[in-house]
Amino acid sequence: MSTPDRTDEVIVDGDLLQAGDADYDDARRVFNTLYDRHPAAIARCASERDVVAALRYASRRGLAVSVRAGGHSAAGFSVADDAVVIDVRGLKAVTVDRFARRARVGAGLTWAELDAATQQFGLAVTGGRMSTTGVAGLTIGSGSGTGRSAAAAGTSASSPSSRSSSWS
């Protein structure tokens, strides 16, 4: 594993944290306190270009990647030792089409935020049991399992993305 540096990829809208940085310990903590992992870097992304830069950063260094949305992965997939955590909690966009009864959400949105957005139009979304759970993680297979969460999100439980459990 190479030592991470900040010179060749730029997190433009968010920031990149490493051990020793002021917010590193808070940023690596997840809901399930059984997991006390120490990633090589944490990319707190605030835009799609930050996600691309974080992936490039990890790839050029041969580092594994984990993705954190809500941080509720029961198996601890939200953070990994010696990896680059792509923290998407800053991607909070939500658009609700009340006529089509659909919502388009950012990868970092929580169920509480989705509920607040849909309730403005008299709509409700079945999903997570905890308001702080990330919509992305539960949608593609974390939490209660692919059949239940994928069905709640209106996606196919057999699609490759719904079988992945690396978002949480």
C-alpha atoms as a PDB file:
ATOM      1  CA  MET A   1       0.000   0.000   0.000  1.00  0.00           C
ATOM      2  CA  SER A   2       1.319   3.405  -0.884  1.00  0.00           C
ATOM      3  CA  THR A   3       1.106   6.327   1.452  1.00  0.00           C
ATOM      4  CA  PRO A   4      -1.764   8.588   0.406  1.00  0.00           C
ATOM      5  CA  ASP A   5      -1.022  12.163  -0.563  1.00  0.00           C
ATOM      6  CA  ARG A   6      -3.150  14.979  -1.879  1.00  0.00           C
ATOM      7  CA  THR A   7      -1.153  16.089  -4.901  1.00  0.00           C
ATOM      8  CA  ASP A   8      -2.627  14.457  -8.015  1.00  0.00           C
ATOM      9  CA  GLU A   9      -6.395  14.288  -7.430  1.00  0.00           C
ATOM     10  CA  VAL A  10      -8.440  17.148  -6.131  1.00  0.00           C
ATOM     11  CA  ILE A  11     -11.575  16.897  -4.052  1.00  0.00           C
ATOM     12  CA  VAL A  12     -13.013  20.209  -5.220  1.00  0.00           C
ATOM     13  CA  ASP A  13     -16.265  20.668  -3.350  1.00  0.00           C
ATOM     14  CA  GLY A  14     -15.691  18.415  -0.321  1.00  0.00           C
ATOM     15  CA  ASP A  15     -12.498  17.433   1.447  1.00  0.00           C
ATOM     16  CA  LEU A  16     -10.049  14.581   1.902  1.00  0.00           C
ATOM     17  CA  LEU A  17      -9.201  13.448   5.417  1.00  0.00           C
ATOM     18  CA  GLN A  18      -6.344  11.269   6.617  1.00  0.00           C
ATOM     19  CA  ALA A  19      -5.192  10.042  10.026  1.00  0.00           C
ATOM     20  CA  GLY A  20      -4.071  13.022  12.048  1.00  0.00           C
ATOM     21  CA  ASP A  21      -6.538  15.446  10.476  1.00  0.00           C
ATOM     22  CA  ALA A  22      -8.861  17.148  12.940  1.00  0.00           C
ATOM     23  CA  ASP A  23     -12.110  15.515  11.726  1.00  0.00           C
ATOM     24  CA  TYR A  24     -10.683  12.094  10.778  1.00  0.00           C
ATOM     25  CA  ASP A  25     -11.790  10.160  13.880  1.00  0.00           C
ATOM     26  CA  ASP A  26     -15.334  11.530  13.781  1.00  0.00           C
ATOM     27  CA  ALA A  27     -15.599  10.877  10.034  1.00  0.00           C
ATOM     28  CA  ARG A  28     -14.537   7.212  10.320  1.00  0.00           C
ATOM     29  CA  ARG A  29     -17.041   6.336  13.087  1.00  0.00           C
ATOM     30  CA  VAL A  30     -20.158   4.455  12.042  1.00  0.00           C
ATOM     31  CA  PHE A  31     -23.450   3.572  13.687  1.00  0.00           C
ATOM     32  CA  ASN A  32     -22.344   0.041  14.630  1.00  0.00           C
ATOM     33  CA  THR A  33     -19.623   0.601  17.225  1.00  0.00           C
ATOM     34  CA  LEU A  34     -18.338  -2.958  16.777  1.00  0.00           C
ATOM     35  CA  TYR A  35     -16.393  -1.596  13.807  1.00  0.00           C
ATOM     36  CA  ASP A  36     -13.440   0.606  14.693  1.00  0.00           C
ATOM     37  CA  ARG A  37     -11.693   0.780  11.357  1.00  0.00           C
ATOM     38  CA  HIS A  38      -8.973   3.107  10.133  1.00  0.00           C
ATOM     39  CA  PRO A  39      -9.168   3.947   6.433  1.00  0.00           C
ATOM     40  CA  ALA A  40      -6.191   5.351   4.545  1.00  0.00           C
ATOM     41  CA  ALA A  41      -8.320   8.342   3.535  1.00  0.00           C
ATOM     42  CA  ILE A  42     -11.884   9.584   3.750  1.00  0.00           C
ATOM     43  CA  ALA A  43     -13.209  11.580   0.804  1.00  0.00           C
ATOM     44  CA  ARG A  44     -16.138  13.651   2.032  1.00  0.00           C
ATOM     45  CA  CYS A  45     -17.781  14.259  -1.314  1.00  0.00           C
ATOM     46  CA  ALA A  46     -20.069  17.167  -2.051  1.00  0.00           C
ATOM     47  CA  SER A  47     -20.384  16.626  -5.815  1.00  0.00           C
ATOM     48  CA  GLU A  48     -20.186  13.945  -8.473  1.00  0.00           C
ATOM     49  CA  ARG A  49     -16.765  15.222  -9.511  1.00  0.00           C
ATOM     50  CA  ASP A  50     -15.566  14.632  -5.945  1.00  0.00           C
ATOM     51  CA  VAL A  51     -16.694  10.991  -6.220  1.00  0.00           C
ATOM     52  CA  VAL A  52     -14.782  10.644  -9.508  1.00  0.00           C
ATOM     53  CA  ALA A  53     -11.676  12.213  -7.951  1.00  0.00           C
ATOM     54  CA  ALA A  54     -11.918   9.892  -4.928  1.00  0.00           C
ATOM     55  CA  LEU A  55     -12.197   6.816  -7.147  1.00  0.00           C
ATOM     56  CA  ARG A  56      -9.197   7.985  -9.173  1.00  0.00           C
ATOM     57  CA  TYR A  57      -7.275   8.635  -5.943  1.00  0.00           C
ATOM     58  CA  ALA A  58      -7.915   5.078  -4.729  1.00  0.00           C
ATOM     59  CA  SER A  59      -7.251   3.471  -8.104  1.00  0.00           C
ATOM     60  CA  ARG A  60      -3.897   5.168  -8.611  1.00  0.00           C
ATOM     61  CA  ARG A  61      -2.754   3.927  -5.224  1.00  0.00           C
ATOM     62  CA  GLY A  62      -4.163   0.420  -5.477  1.00  0.00           C
ATOM     63  CA  LEU A  63      -6.428   1.014  -2.495  1.00  0.00           C
ATOM     64  CA  ALA A  64      -9.774  -0.658  -1.879  1.00  0.00           C
ATOM     65  CA  VAL A  65     -12.879   1.516  -1.720  1.00  0.00           C
ATOM     66  CA  SER A  66     -15.807   1.520   0.665  1.00  0.00           C
ATOM     67  CA  VAL A  67     -18.821   3.803   0.362  1.00  0.00           C
ATOM     68  CA  ARG A  68     -20.606   5.469   3.226  1.00  0.00           C
ATOM     69  CA  ALA A  69     -24.042   6.978   2.891  1.00  0.00           C
ATOM     70  CA  GLY A  70     -25.811   6.550   6.234  1.00  0.00           C
ATOM     71  CA  GLY A  71     -23.143   4.437   7.929  1.00  0.00           C
ATOM     72  CA  HIS A  72     -25.618   1.777   9.105  1.00  0.00           C
ATOM     73  CA  SER A  73     -24.178  -1.315   7.421  1.00  0.00           C
ATOM     74  CA  ALA A  74     -24.636  -4.141   9.914  1.00  0.00           C
ATOM     75  CA  ALA A  75     -21.639  -5.895   8.360  1.00  0.00           C
ATOM     76  CA  GLY A  76     -19.458  -2.788   8.606  1.00  0.00           C
ATOM     77  CA  PHE A  77     -19.138  -2.156   4.871  1.00  0.00           C
ATOM     78  CA  SER A  78     -19.322   1.625   5.355  1.00  0.00           C
ATOM     79  CA  VAL A  79     -15.678   1.892   6.377  1.00  0.00           C
ATOM     80  CA  ALA A  80     -12.676  -0.357   5.770  1.00  0.00           C
ATOM     81  CA  ASP A  81      -9.129  -0.456   7.101  1.00  0.00           C
ATOM     82  CA  ASP A  82      -6.470   0.913   4.732  1.00  0.00           C
ATOM     83  CA  ALA A  83      -9.076   1.821   2.107  1.00  0.00           C
ATOM     84  CA  VAL A  84     -10.516   5.019   0.713  1.00  0.00           C
ATOM     85  CA  VAL A  85     -13.951   5.727   2.154  1.00  0.00           C
ATOM     86  CA  ILE A  86     -16.119   7.620  -0.290  1.00  0.00           C
ATOM     87  CA  ASP A  87     -18.437   9.468   2.061  1.00  0.00           C
ATOM     88  CA  VAL A  88     -21.468  10.615   0.070  1.00  0.00           C
ATOM     89  CA  ARG A  89     -23.405  12.169   2.941  1.00  0.00           C
ATOM     90  CA  GLY A  90     -22.870  15.565   1.311  1.00  0.00           C
ATOM     91  CA  LEU A  91     -24.903  14.541  -1.753  1.00  0.00           C
ATOM     92  CA  LYS A  92     -28.351  15.474  -0.444  1.00  0.00           C
ATOM     93  CA  ALA A  93     -30.370  16.531  -3.493  1.00  0.00           C
ATOM     94  CA  VAL A  94     -33.980  15.393  -3.669  1.00  0.00           C
ATOM     95  CA  THR A  95     -36.602  16.084  -6.332  1.00  0.00           C
ATOM     96  CA  VAL A  96     -40.150  14.816  -5.929  1.00  0.00           C
ATOM     97  CA  ASP A  97     -42.485  14.468  -8.898  1.00  0.00           C
ATOM     98  CA  ARG A  98     -45.837  14.343  -7.141  1.00  0.00           C
ATOM     99  CA  PHE A  99     -47.746  13.510 -10.310  1.00  0.00           C
ATOM    100  CA  ALA A 100     -45.563  10.540 -11.283  1.00  0.00           C
ATOM    101  CA  ARG A 101     -45.218   9.717  -7.559  1.00  0.00           C
ATOM    102  CA  ARG A 102     -41.437   9.338  -7.888  1.00  0.00           C
ATOM    103  CA  ALA A 103     -38.425  10.836  -6.217  1.00  0.00           C
ATOM    104  CA  ARG A 104     -34.867  11.260  -7.418  1.00  0.00           C
ATOM    105  CA  VAL A 105     -32.453  11.389  -4.502  1.00  0.00           C
ATOM    106  CA  GLY A 106     -28.790  12.071  -3.901  1.00  0.00           C
ATOM    107  CA  ALA A 107     -26.629   9.239  -2.615  1.00  0.00           C
ATOM    108  CA  GLY A 108     -26.276  10.815   0.840  1.00  0.00           C
ATOM    109  CA  LEU A 109     -29.959  11.345   1.608  1.00  0.00           C
ATOM    110  CA  THR A 110     -31.392   9.729   4.749  1.00  0.00           C
ATOM    111  CA  TRP A 111     -34.879   8.298   5.174  1.00  0.00           C
ATOM    112  CA  ALA A 112     -35.835  11.255   7.382  1.00  0.00           C
ATOM    113  CA  GLU A 113     -34.895  13.672   4.602  1.00  0.00           C
ATOM    114  CA  LEU A 114     -36.745  11.635   1.975  1.00  0.00           C
ATOM    115  CA  ASP A 115     -39.806  11.394   4.208  1.00  0.00           C
ATOM    116  CA  ALA A 116     -39.811  15.165   4.769  1.00  0.00           C
ATOM    117  CA  ALA A 117     -39.595  15.824   1.023  1.00  0.00           C
ATOM    118  CA  THR A 118     -42.346  13.375   0.027  1.00  0.00           C
ATOM    119  CA  GLN A 119     -44.716  14.290   2.862  1.00  0.00           C
ATOM    120  CA  GLN A 120     -44.971  17.829   1.461  1.00  0.00           C
ATOM    121  CA  PHE A 121     -46.946  16.251  -1.388  1.00  0.00           C
ATOM    122  CA  GLY A 122     -48.957  13.780   0.704  1.00  0.00           C
ATOM    123  CA  LEU A 123     -46.701  10.909  -0.355  1.00  0.00           C
ATOM    124  CA  ALA A 124     -44.922   8.299   1.722  1.00  0.00           C
ATOM    125  CA  VAL A 125     -42.107   5.869   0.938  1.00  0.00           C
ATOM    126  CA  THR A 126     -41.773   2.503   2.602  1.00  0.00           C
ATOM    127  CA  GLY A 127     -38.239   1.735   3.626  1.00  0.00           C
ATOM    128  CA  GLY A 128     -35.872   1.996   6.517  1.00  0.00           C
ATOM    129  CA  ARG A 129     -36.805   1.545  10.142  1.00  0.00           C
ATOM    130  CA  MET A 130     -34.436   4.257  11.347  1.00  0.00           C
ATOM    131  CA  SER A 131     -34.617   7.817  10.106  1.00  0.00           C
ATOM    132  CA  THR A 132     -30.810   8.145   9.957  1.00  0.00           C
ATOM    133  CA  THR A 133     -30.365   5.173   7.599  1.00  0.00           C
ATOM    134  CA  GLY A 134     -29.099   6.150   4.157  1.00  0.00           C
ATOM    135  CA  VAL A 135     -31.567   5.713   1.307  1.00  0.00           C
ATOM    136  CA  ALA A 136     -28.812   4.510  -1.063  1.00  0.00           C
ATOM    137  CA  GLY A 137     -27.602   1.702   1.185  1.00  0.00           C
ATOM    138  CA  LEU A 138     -30.993   0.318   2.019  1.00  0.00           C
ATOM    139  CA  THR A 139     -32.131   0.595  -1.589  1.00  0.00           C
ATOM    140  CA  ILE A 140     -29.325  -1.533  -3.018  1.00  0.00           C
ATOM    141  CA  GLY A 141     -29.258  -4.261  -0.447  1.00  0.00           C
ATOM    142  CA  SER A 142     -28.085  -3.312   3.007  1.00  0.00           C
ATOM    143  CA  GLY A 143     -30.340  -3.280   6.010  1.00  0.00           C
ATOM    144  CA  SER A 144     -33.116  -5.846   5.740  1.00  0.00           C
ATOM    145  CA  GLY A 145     -31.888  -7.643   2.631  1.00  0.00           C
ATOM    146  CA  THR A 146     -32.213  -7.307  -1.106  1.00  0.00           C
ATOM    147  CA  GLY A 147     -35.763  -8.623  -1.504  1.00  0.00           C
ATOM    148  CA  ARG A 148     -37.366  -6.338   1.023  1.00  0.00           C
ATOM    149  CA  SER A 149     -35.340  -3.167   0.397  1.00  0.00           C
ATOM    150  CA  ALA A 150     -35.268  -3.458  -3.392  1.00  0.00           C
ATOM    151  CA  ALA A 151     -39.022  -4.022  -3.486  1.00  0.00           C
ATOM    152  CA  ALA A 152     -39.536  -0.968  -1.285  1.00  0.00           C
ATOM    153  CA  ALA A 153     -37.472   1.108  -3.692  1.00  0.00           C
ATOM    154  CA  GLY A 154     -39.234  -0.235  -6.765  1.00  0.00           C
ATOM    155  CA  THR A 155     -36.074  -1.834  -8.157  1.00  0.00           C
ATOM    156  CA  SER A 156     -35.426  -5.380  -9.233  1.00  0.00           C
ATOM    157  CA  ALA A 157     -33.956  -7.584  -6.532  1.00  0.00           C
ATOM    158  CA  SER A 158     -32.039  -9.433  -9.232  1.00  0.00           C
ATOM    159  CA  SER A 159     -30.280  -6.414 -10.692  1.00  0.00           C
ATOM    160  CA  PRO A 160     -26.521  -6.285 -10.036  1.00  0.00           C
ATOM    161  CA  SER A 161     -26.783  -3.015  -8.121  1.00  0.00           C
ATOM    162  CA  SER A 162     -29.419  -4.350  -5.751  1.00  0.00           C
ATOM    163  CA  ARG A 163     -27.230  -7.317  -4.790  1.00  0.00           C
ATOM    164  CA  SER A 164     -24.334  -5.101  -3.753  1.00  0.00           C
ATOM    165  CA  SER A 165     -24.035  -4.383  -0.069  1.00  0.00           C
ATOM    166  CA  SER A 166     -21.137  -1.953  -0.074  1.00  0.00           C
ATOM    167  CA  TRP A 167     -23.341   1.153   0.256  1.00  0.00           C
ATOM    168  CA  SER A 168     -24.687   1.913   3.661  1.00  0.00           C
END
